[in-house]
N, C-alpha and C. Protein backbone atom coordinates (compact mmCIF):
# COMPACT_ATOMS: atom_id res chain seq x y z
N MET A 1 0.83 -1.20 0.00
CA MET A 1 0.00 0.00 0.00
C MET A 1 0.87 1.26 0.00
N LEU A 2 1.94 1.26 0.83
CA LEU A 2 2.81 2.43 0.90
C LEU A 2 3.51 2.67 -0.43
N ASN A 3 3.93 1.59 -1.11
CA ASN A 3 4.59 1.75 -2.40
C ASN A 3 3.68 2.41 -3.42
N LYS A 4 2.39 2.02 -3.42
CA LYS A 4 1.42 2.64 -4.33
C LYS A 4 1.29 4.13 -4.03
N ASN A 5 1.24 4.46 -2.75
CA ASN A 5 1.09 5.87 -2.37
C ASN A 5 2.33 6.68 -2.72
N ILE A 6 3.51 6.07 -2.58
CA ILE A 6 4.74 6.78 -2.97
C ILE A 6 4.74 7.04 -4.47
N ILE A 7 4.28 6.09 -5.24
CA ILE A 7 4.19 6.28 -6.70
C ILE A 7 3.19 7.40 -7.02
N ARG A 8 2.06 7.41 -6.31
CA ARG A 8 1.07 8.48 -6.52
C ARG A 8 1.65 9.84 -6.16
N ILE A 9 2.40 9.89 -5.07
CA ILE A 9 3.02 11.16 -4.66
C ILE A 9 4.02 11.61 -5.71
N ALA A 10 4.82 10.70 -6.22
CA ALA A 10 5.82 11.04 -7.25
C ALA A 10 5.13 11.53 -8.52
N LEU A 11 4.06 10.85 -8.92
CA LEU A 11 3.33 11.27 -10.13
C LEU A 11 2.66 12.63 -9.91
N GLY A 12 2.08 12.84 -8.73
CA GLY A 12 1.47 14.12 -8.42
C GLY A 12 2.49 15.25 -8.44
N THR A 13 3.66 14.99 -7.87
CA THR A 13 4.74 15.98 -7.89
C THR A 13 5.15 16.30 -9.32
N ALA A 14 5.30 15.27 -10.14
CA ALA A 14 5.69 15.48 -11.54
C ALA A 14 4.64 16.29 -12.28
N LEU A 15 3.37 16.00 -12.04
CA LEU A 15 2.30 16.75 -12.71
C LEU A 15 2.29 18.22 -12.28
N ILE A 16 2.50 18.46 -11.00
CA ILE A 16 2.53 19.84 -10.51
C ILE A 16 3.71 20.58 -11.13
N LEU A 17 4.84 19.90 -11.26
CA LEU A 17 6.03 20.55 -11.85
C LEU A 17 5.88 20.82 -13.35
N LEU A 18 4.88 20.19 -13.98
CA LEU A 18 4.63 20.49 -15.39
C LEU A 18 4.14 21.93 -15.56
N VAL A 19 3.46 22.46 -14.54
CA VAL A 19 2.92 23.83 -14.65
C VAL A 19 4.05 24.83 -14.87
N PRO A 20 5.07 24.89 -13.99
CA PRO A 20 6.14 25.86 -14.28
C PRO A 20 6.98 25.47 -15.50
N LEU A 21 7.08 24.17 -15.79
CA LEU A 21 7.83 23.76 -16.98
C LEU A 21 7.16 24.29 -18.23
N LEU A 22 5.84 24.11 -18.32
CA LEU A 22 5.11 24.64 -19.47
C LEU A 22 5.08 26.16 -19.41
N GLY A 23 5.03 26.70 -18.20
CA GLY A 23 5.08 28.16 -18.04
C GLY A 23 6.38 28.72 -18.57
N ASN A 24 7.49 28.02 -18.32
CA ASN A 24 8.80 28.43 -18.85
C ASN A 24 8.76 28.47 -20.38
N HIS A 25 8.06 27.52 -20.96
CA HIS A 25 8.04 27.37 -22.41
C HIS A 25 7.08 28.34 -23.09
N PHE A 26 5.87 28.53 -22.49
CA PHE A 26 4.83 29.29 -23.16
C PHE A 26 4.61 30.70 -22.63
N VAL A 27 5.02 30.95 -21.40
CA VAL A 27 4.74 32.26 -20.79
C VAL A 27 6.07 32.93 -20.45
N ASN A 28 6.23 34.13 -20.92
CA ASN A 28 7.44 34.88 -20.60
C ASN A 28 7.34 35.37 -19.16
N GLY A 29 8.38 35.18 -18.39
CA GLY A 29 8.38 35.66 -17.02
C GLY A 29 8.43 34.56 -15.97
N TRP A 30 8.14 33.32 -16.34
CA TRP A 30 8.22 32.22 -15.40
C TRP A 30 9.60 31.60 -15.60
N ASN A 31 10.59 32.16 -14.95
CA ASN A 31 11.98 31.82 -15.24
C ASN A 31 12.56 30.88 -14.18
N TRP A 32 12.26 29.61 -14.30
CA TRP A 32 12.82 28.63 -13.39
C TRP A 32 14.01 27.97 -14.05
N ASP A 33 15.05 27.74 -13.25
CA ASP A 33 16.18 26.96 -13.76
C ASP A 33 16.11 25.57 -13.14
N LEU A 34 17.11 24.76 -13.41
CA LEU A 34 17.12 23.37 -12.93
C LEU A 34 17.06 23.31 -11.41
N PHE A 35 17.78 24.21 -10.73
CA PHE A 35 17.75 24.23 -9.27
C PHE A 35 16.34 24.49 -8.75
N ASP A 36 15.61 25.41 -9.38
CA ASP A 36 14.25 25.72 -8.94
C ASP A 36 13.34 24.49 -9.05
N PHE A 37 13.48 23.75 -10.14
CA PHE A 37 12.67 22.54 -10.32
C PHE A 37 13.05 21.48 -9.28
N ALA A 38 14.35 21.32 -9.05
CA ALA A 38 14.81 20.33 -8.06
C ALA A 38 14.33 20.71 -6.66
N PHE A 39 14.44 21.98 -6.33
CA PHE A 39 14.00 22.46 -5.02
C PHE A 39 12.50 22.25 -4.84
N ALA A 40 11.72 22.68 -5.83
CA ALA A 40 10.27 22.53 -5.75
C ALA A 40 9.86 21.06 -5.69
N GLY A 41 10.49 20.25 -6.51
CA GLY A 41 10.16 18.82 -6.52
C GLY A 41 10.49 18.15 -5.20
N THR A 42 11.65 18.46 -4.65
CA THR A 42 12.04 17.89 -3.36
C THR A 42 11.09 18.35 -2.26
N LEU A 43 10.74 19.62 -2.26
CA LEU A 43 9.85 20.16 -1.24
C LEU A 43 8.46 19.55 -1.35
N LEU A 44 7.91 19.48 -2.55
CA LEU A 44 6.59 18.89 -2.75
C LEU A 44 6.57 17.40 -2.39
N PHE A 45 7.53 16.67 -2.92
CA PHE A 45 7.58 15.23 -2.66
C PHE A 45 7.82 14.95 -1.18
N GLY A 46 8.78 15.66 -0.59
CA GLY A 46 9.11 15.44 0.81
C GLY A 46 7.95 15.75 1.75
N THR A 47 7.26 16.86 1.50
CA THR A 47 6.12 17.22 2.34
C THR A 47 4.99 16.21 2.20
N SER A 48 4.72 15.81 0.97
CA SER A 48 3.65 14.82 0.73
C SER A 48 3.99 13.47 1.37
N LEU A 49 5.23 13.06 1.23
CA LEU A 49 5.66 11.79 1.83
C LEU A 49 5.60 11.87 3.35
N ALA A 50 6.02 12.99 3.91
CA ALA A 50 5.95 13.16 5.36
C ALA A 50 4.50 13.06 5.83
N TYR A 51 3.58 13.68 5.10
CA TYR A 51 2.17 13.58 5.49
C TYR A 51 1.71 12.12 5.42
N GLU A 52 2.06 11.45 4.34
CA GLU A 52 1.65 10.05 4.17
C GLU A 52 2.14 9.18 5.33
N LEU A 53 3.39 9.38 5.74
CA LEU A 53 3.96 8.56 6.81
C LEU A 53 3.43 8.94 8.18
N LEU A 54 3.26 10.24 8.44
CA LEU A 54 2.84 10.70 9.76
C LEU A 54 1.35 10.57 9.99
N ALA A 55 0.55 10.76 8.96
CA ALA A 55 -0.90 10.70 9.13
C ALA A 55 -1.38 9.30 9.48
N ARG A 56 -0.59 8.29 9.15
CA ARG A 56 -0.99 6.92 9.49
C ARG A 56 -0.76 6.58 10.95
N LYS A 57 -0.11 7.49 11.70
CA LYS A 57 0.16 7.23 13.12
C LYS A 57 -1.13 7.16 13.92
N SER A 58 -2.20 7.73 13.38
CA SER A 58 -3.47 7.73 14.09
C SER A 58 -4.61 7.66 13.09
N GLY A 59 -5.68 7.04 13.49
CA GLY A 59 -6.86 6.98 12.64
C GLY A 59 -7.77 8.17 12.86
N LYS A 60 -7.42 9.02 13.84
CA LYS A 60 -8.27 10.17 14.15
C LYS A 60 -8.10 11.25 13.09
N ILE A 61 -9.23 11.80 12.66
CA ILE A 61 -9.20 12.85 11.65
C ILE A 61 -8.55 14.11 12.21
N THR A 62 -8.69 14.38 13.51
CA THR A 62 -8.07 15.58 14.08
C THR A 62 -6.54 15.46 14.07
N TYR A 63 -6.03 14.27 14.30
CA TYR A 63 -4.58 14.05 14.24
C TYR A 63 -4.09 14.29 12.81
N ARG A 64 -4.80 13.73 11.85
CA ARG A 64 -4.41 13.90 10.45
C ARG A 64 -4.47 15.37 10.03
N ALA A 65 -5.51 16.06 10.49
CA ALA A 65 -5.63 17.49 10.17
C ALA A 65 -4.49 18.27 10.82
N ALA A 66 -4.13 17.91 12.05
CA ALA A 66 -3.04 18.60 12.74
C ALA A 66 -1.72 18.41 11.98
N VAL A 67 -1.48 17.20 11.52
CA VAL A 67 -0.27 16.93 10.72
C VAL A 67 -0.31 17.75 9.43
N GLY A 68 -1.47 17.76 8.79
CA GLY A 68 -1.61 18.50 7.53
C GLY A 68 -1.37 19.99 7.69
N VAL A 69 -1.94 20.58 8.74
CA VAL A 69 -1.77 22.02 8.97
C VAL A 69 -0.30 22.33 9.28
N ALA A 70 0.32 21.52 10.13
CA ALA A 70 1.73 21.77 10.48
C ALA A 70 2.64 21.65 9.25
N LEU A 71 2.43 20.62 8.45
CA LEU A 71 3.26 20.44 7.26
C LEU A 71 2.98 21.52 6.21
N ALA A 72 1.72 21.93 6.09
CA ALA A 72 1.39 23.01 5.15
C ALA A 72 2.07 24.30 5.58
N ALA A 73 2.05 24.59 6.87
CA ALA A 73 2.70 25.81 7.38
C ALA A 73 4.20 25.75 7.10
N ALA A 74 4.83 24.61 7.37
CA ALA A 74 6.27 24.47 7.12
C ALA A 74 6.57 24.59 5.63
N PHE A 75 5.74 23.97 4.80
CA PHE A 75 5.91 24.03 3.34
C PHE A 75 5.85 25.47 2.85
N ILE A 76 4.82 26.20 3.25
CA ILE A 76 4.65 27.58 2.79
C ILE A 76 5.77 28.46 3.33
N LEU A 77 6.18 28.21 4.58
CA LEU A 77 7.29 28.98 5.17
C LEU A 77 8.56 28.81 4.34
N VAL A 78 8.89 27.59 4.00
CA VAL A 78 10.10 27.33 3.20
C VAL A 78 9.95 27.93 1.80
N TRP A 79 8.78 27.77 1.21
CA TRP A 79 8.54 28.25 -0.15
C TRP A 79 8.68 29.77 -0.23
N VAL A 80 7.99 30.47 0.66
CA VAL A 80 8.03 31.94 0.64
C VAL A 80 9.43 32.44 0.97
N ASN A 81 10.03 31.85 1.99
CA ASN A 81 11.36 32.29 2.40
C ASN A 81 12.39 32.04 1.30
N GLY A 82 12.27 30.91 0.62
CA GLY A 82 13.20 30.60 -0.46
C GLY A 82 12.97 31.42 -1.72
N ALA A 83 11.71 31.74 -1.98
CA ALA A 83 11.39 32.46 -3.22
C ALA A 83 11.71 33.95 -3.13
N VAL A 84 11.22 34.59 -2.08
CA VAL A 84 11.38 36.05 -2.00
C VAL A 84 11.92 36.53 -0.66
N GLY A 85 12.02 35.64 0.30
CA GLY A 85 12.44 36.03 1.63
C GLY A 85 11.27 36.62 2.40
N ILE A 86 11.35 36.56 3.70
CA ILE A 86 10.29 37.12 4.55
C ILE A 86 10.75 38.47 5.09
N ILE A 87 11.99 38.52 5.52
CA ILE A 87 12.57 39.77 6.01
C ILE A 87 13.47 40.30 4.91
N GLY A 88 13.06 41.37 4.28
CA GLY A 88 13.82 41.88 3.15
C GLY A 88 13.68 40.95 1.96
N ASN A 89 14.80 40.62 1.32
CA ASN A 89 14.76 39.69 0.19
C ASN A 89 15.35 38.35 0.60
N GLU A 90 15.37 37.41 -0.33
CA GLU A 90 15.85 36.05 -0.02
C GLU A 90 17.31 36.01 0.38
N GLY A 91 18.06 37.07 0.10
CA GLY A 91 19.48 37.10 0.46
C GLY A 91 19.75 37.67 1.84
N ASN A 92 18.74 38.15 2.52
CA ASN A 92 18.93 38.75 3.85
C ASN A 92 19.28 37.64 4.85
N PRO A 93 20.39 37.78 5.57
CA PRO A 93 20.80 36.73 6.52
C PRO A 93 19.78 36.50 7.64
N ALA A 94 18.92 37.46 7.91
CA ALA A 94 17.89 37.27 8.95
C ALA A 94 16.97 36.12 8.59
N ASN A 95 16.78 35.87 7.30
CA ASN A 95 15.89 34.79 6.87
C ASN A 95 16.42 33.41 7.24
N LEU A 96 17.70 33.30 7.52
CA LEU A 96 18.26 32.00 7.92
C LEU A 96 17.71 31.55 9.28
N MET A 97 17.22 32.50 10.07
CA MET A 97 16.67 32.14 11.38
C MET A 97 15.42 31.26 11.26
N TYR A 98 14.77 31.29 10.11
CA TYR A 98 13.57 30.46 9.94
C TYR A 98 13.91 28.97 9.93
N PHE A 99 15.17 28.64 9.66
CA PHE A 99 15.58 27.24 9.79
C PHE A 99 15.49 26.81 11.25
N GLY A 100 15.68 27.75 12.17
CA GLY A 100 15.52 27.46 13.60
C GLY A 100 14.09 27.10 13.93
N VAL A 101 13.14 27.78 13.29
CA VAL A 101 11.72 27.46 13.50
C VAL A 101 11.45 26.03 13.07
N LEU A 102 11.94 25.68 11.89
CA LEU A 102 11.75 24.32 11.38
C LEU A 102 12.47 23.30 12.25
N ALA A 103 13.64 23.66 12.77
CA ALA A 103 14.40 22.74 13.63
C ALA A 103 13.64 22.48 14.93
N VAL A 104 13.03 23.52 15.51
CA VAL A 104 12.23 23.32 16.73
C VAL A 104 11.10 22.34 16.45
N GLY A 105 10.41 22.52 15.32
CA GLY A 105 9.32 21.61 14.97
C GLY A 105 9.79 20.20 14.70
N PHE A 106 10.90 20.06 13.97
CA PHE A 106 11.40 18.74 13.61
C PHE A 106 11.95 17.99 14.82
N ILE A 107 12.84 18.64 15.56
CA ILE A 107 13.46 17.99 16.72
C ILE A 107 12.41 17.72 17.80
N GLY A 108 11.52 18.69 18.00
CA GLY A 108 10.44 18.49 18.97
C GLY A 108 9.54 17.33 18.60
N SER A 109 9.26 17.17 17.31
CA SER A 109 8.42 16.05 16.86
C SER A 109 9.10 14.71 17.10
N LEU A 110 10.41 14.66 16.85
CA LEU A 110 11.13 13.42 17.11
C LEU A 110 11.14 13.10 18.61
N MET A 111 11.37 14.14 19.43
CA MET A 111 11.36 13.93 20.88
C MET A 111 9.97 13.53 21.37
N ALA A 112 8.93 14.05 20.72
CA ALA A 112 7.55 13.75 21.10
C ALA A 112 7.11 12.38 20.60
N ARG A 113 7.93 11.79 19.75
CA ARG A 113 7.59 10.50 19.12
C ARG A 113 6.24 10.56 18.43
N PHE A 114 5.88 11.77 18.00
CA PHE A 114 4.65 12.02 17.25
C PHE A 114 3.39 11.69 18.04
N LYS A 115 3.50 11.66 19.36
CA LYS A 115 2.34 11.46 20.24
C LYS A 115 1.58 12.79 20.30
N PRO A 116 0.26 12.77 20.23
CA PRO A 116 -0.50 14.01 20.09
C PRO A 116 -0.29 15.04 21.20
N ARG A 117 -0.28 14.63 22.45
CA ARG A 117 -0.13 15.60 23.55
C ARG A 117 1.23 16.31 23.47
N ALA A 118 2.28 15.55 23.23
CA ALA A 118 3.62 16.13 23.13
C ALA A 118 3.76 16.93 21.83
N MET A 119 3.08 16.51 20.77
CA MET A 119 3.11 17.26 19.52
C MET A 119 2.45 18.63 19.71
N ALA A 120 1.41 18.68 20.53
CA ALA A 120 0.77 19.97 20.81
C ALA A 120 1.78 20.93 21.44
N ARG A 121 2.53 20.44 22.42
CA ARG A 121 3.55 21.29 23.06
C ARG A 121 4.62 21.71 22.04
N THR A 122 5.01 20.78 21.18
CA THR A 122 6.01 21.08 20.16
C THR A 122 5.53 22.18 19.22
N LEU A 123 4.28 22.10 18.79
CA LEU A 123 3.77 23.11 17.86
C LEU A 123 3.56 24.46 18.54
N PHE A 124 3.22 24.46 19.82
CA PHE A 124 3.16 25.74 20.55
C PHE A 124 4.55 26.36 20.62
N ALA A 125 5.56 25.53 20.87
CA ALA A 125 6.95 26.03 20.91
C ALA A 125 7.39 26.52 19.53
N THR A 126 6.94 25.85 18.50
CA THR A 126 7.26 26.27 17.14
C THR A 126 6.64 27.63 16.83
N ALA A 127 5.40 27.82 17.26
CA ALA A 127 4.73 29.11 17.05
C ALA A 127 5.46 30.23 17.79
N LEU A 128 5.88 29.95 19.01
CA LEU A 128 6.62 30.95 19.79
C LEU A 128 7.94 31.29 19.10
N THR A 129 8.63 30.27 18.62
CA THR A 129 9.89 30.49 17.91
C THR A 129 9.65 31.32 16.66
N GLN A 130 8.57 31.05 15.97
CA GLN A 130 8.22 31.81 14.76
C GLN A 130 8.10 33.30 15.09
N MET A 131 7.46 33.62 16.20
CA MET A 131 7.27 35.03 16.56
C MET A 131 8.53 35.66 17.13
N LEU A 132 9.46 34.85 17.61
CA LEU A 132 10.73 35.40 18.10
C LEU A 132 11.66 35.84 16.96
N VAL A 133 11.50 35.22 15.80
CA VAL A 133 12.39 35.54 14.67
C VAL A 133 12.36 37.03 14.33
N PRO A 134 11.19 37.65 14.09
CA PRO A 134 11.25 39.07 13.74
C PRO A 134 11.71 39.96 14.89
N VAL A 135 11.46 39.54 16.13
CA VAL A 135 11.93 40.32 17.29
C VAL A 135 13.45 40.33 17.31
N ILE A 136 14.05 39.14 17.16
CA ILE A 136 15.52 39.04 17.14
C ILE A 136 16.08 39.79 15.94
N ALA A 137 15.44 39.63 14.78
CA ALA A 137 15.91 40.31 13.57
C ALA A 137 15.84 41.82 13.74
N LEU A 138 14.82 42.31 14.39
CA LEU A 138 14.67 43.75 14.60
C LEU A 138 15.81 44.28 15.47
N LEU A 139 16.24 43.46 16.44
CA LEU A 139 17.34 43.88 17.32
C LEU A 139 18.71 43.79 16.63
N VAL A 140 18.90 42.73 15.82
CA VAL A 140 20.20 42.50 15.20
C VAL A 140 20.35 43.25 13.87
N TRP A 141 19.29 43.25 13.07
CA TRP A 141 19.31 43.91 11.76
C TRP A 141 18.20 44.95 11.70
N PRO A 142 18.37 46.09 12.35
CA PRO A 142 17.30 47.10 12.34
C PRO A 142 17.02 47.60 10.92
N PRO A 143 15.79 48.05 10.69
CA PRO A 143 15.41 48.50 9.35
C PRO A 143 16.32 49.59 8.78
N SER A 144 16.97 50.34 9.63
CA SER A 144 17.84 51.40 9.12
C SER A 144 19.12 50.84 8.48
N THR A 145 19.48 49.59 8.81
CA THR A 145 20.71 49.01 8.27
C THR A 145 20.46 48.00 7.16
N THR A 146 19.24 47.53 7.03
CA THR A 146 18.93 46.53 6.01
C THR A 146 17.48 46.69 5.56
N SER A 147 17.17 46.16 4.39
CA SER A 147 15.82 46.25 3.84
C SER A 147 14.87 45.35 4.64
N TRP A 148 13.74 45.90 4.98
CA TRP A 148 12.71 45.13 5.68
C TRP A 148 11.44 45.08 4.86
N ALA A 149 11.56 44.83 3.56
CA ALA A 149 10.36 44.67 2.75
C ALA A 149 9.65 43.43 3.26
N PRO A 150 8.40 43.42 3.50
CA PRO A 150 7.35 44.40 3.25
C PRO A 150 7.14 45.39 4.40
N GLY A 151 8.18 45.77 5.07
CA GLY A 151 8.09 46.70 6.20
C GLY A 151 8.00 45.93 7.50
N VAL A 152 8.33 46.58 8.59
CA VAL A 152 8.35 45.92 9.90
C VAL A 152 6.97 45.35 10.24
N PHE A 153 5.93 46.16 10.05
CA PHE A 153 4.57 45.70 10.36
C PHE A 153 4.22 44.49 9.51
N GLY A 154 4.53 44.55 8.21
CA GLY A 154 4.23 43.44 7.31
C GLY A 154 4.96 42.16 7.70
N VAL A 155 6.20 42.30 8.13
CA VAL A 155 6.97 41.12 8.56
C VAL A 155 6.31 40.49 9.79
N PHE A 156 5.89 41.32 10.74
CA PHE A 156 5.22 40.78 11.93
C PHE A 156 3.89 40.13 11.59
N VAL A 157 3.14 40.72 10.66
CA VAL A 157 1.86 40.13 10.24
C VAL A 157 2.10 38.78 9.57
N LEU A 158 3.09 38.70 8.70
CA LEU A 158 3.40 37.45 8.01
C LEU A 158 3.84 36.37 9.01
N ASN A 159 4.65 36.75 9.98
CA ASN A 159 5.07 35.80 11.01
C ASN A 159 3.89 35.38 11.87
N ALA A 160 2.98 36.30 12.15
CA ALA A 160 1.78 35.96 12.93
C ALA A 160 0.91 34.95 12.16
N PHE A 161 0.86 35.08 10.84
CA PHE A 161 0.13 34.12 10.02
C PHE A 161 0.69 32.71 10.21
N PHE A 162 2.01 32.58 10.10
CA PHE A 162 2.63 31.26 10.27
C PHE A 162 2.47 30.76 11.70
N ALA A 163 2.65 31.63 12.68
CA ALA A 163 2.48 31.24 14.08
C ALA A 163 1.05 30.76 14.32
N THR A 164 0.09 31.43 13.71
CA THR A 164 -1.32 31.02 13.86
C THR A 164 -1.53 29.62 13.30
N LEU A 165 -0.94 29.32 12.16
CA LEU A 165 -1.06 27.97 11.60
C LEU A 165 -0.47 26.93 12.56
N PHE A 166 0.68 27.25 13.15
CA PHE A 166 1.29 26.31 14.10
C PHE A 166 0.42 26.15 15.35
N VAL A 167 -0.21 27.23 15.81
CA VAL A 167 -1.11 27.15 16.97
C VAL A 167 -2.35 26.32 16.62
N VAL A 168 -2.91 26.52 15.44
CA VAL A 168 -4.06 25.72 15.02
C VAL A 168 -3.69 24.24 15.02
N SER A 169 -2.52 23.92 14.49
CA SER A 169 -2.06 22.53 14.51
C SER A 169 -1.92 22.02 15.94
N ALA A 170 -1.34 22.84 16.82
CA ALA A 170 -1.18 22.45 18.22
C ALA A 170 -2.54 22.17 18.87
N LEU A 171 -3.51 23.02 18.60
CA LEU A 171 -4.85 22.81 19.17
C LEU A 171 -5.49 21.54 18.64
N LEU A 172 -5.27 21.26 17.37
CA LEU A 172 -5.79 20.01 16.81
C LEU A 172 -5.12 18.80 17.42
N PHE A 173 -3.81 18.89 17.64
CA PHE A 173 -3.11 17.78 18.31
C PHE A 173 -3.64 17.60 19.74
N ARG A 174 -3.86 18.73 20.42
CA ARG A 174 -4.39 18.64 21.79
C ARG A 174 -5.75 17.96 21.79
N ARG A 175 -6.57 18.30 20.81
CA ARG A 175 -7.89 17.67 20.71
C ARG A 175 -7.76 16.18 20.38
N ALA A 176 -6.81 15.84 19.52
CA ALA A 176 -6.60 14.43 19.15
C ALA A 176 -6.12 13.62 20.34
N ALA A 177 -5.47 14.27 21.31
CA ALA A 177 -4.97 13.56 22.49
C ALA A 177 -6.09 13.14 23.43
N ARG A 178 -7.24 13.78 23.33
CA ARG A 178 -8.35 13.45 24.23
C ARG A 178 -8.99 12.13 23.89
């Protein structure tokens, strides 16, 4: 069964990657190189495979939803940060701190052994870490010394969006633990 699902995930990833491939060919402005395709493919396949493996840990729909929300938040965080950056542009060193957010979620999940109650605590910690990133960046790289597109307020709003997704996942895990 898992082999069939891995094949489905690989085919789904390939089909999704056809969009920018055809966009490169037919639409001016969709300028992906080989690295972009490899990055997108790895991210799509890896996230889908992680969902497939983790969602089977429980038959509860709330557990599966919690896994889905957490992985979706991580996926979008990596995608946005890699494409345009969250603080300034993608070259701003402050954006490297978002790997710390992912590390808290990943290491915490391993320590939690993917048990719902401990996963809830892990996702709350991940949300807190997410909100600490712009605070630390504001202290280390103030807007006067580096670009803060989309502005300080916009950066905090964007981080609050991701933190909210992690909190929603945490609440779903807490509910799944009952």
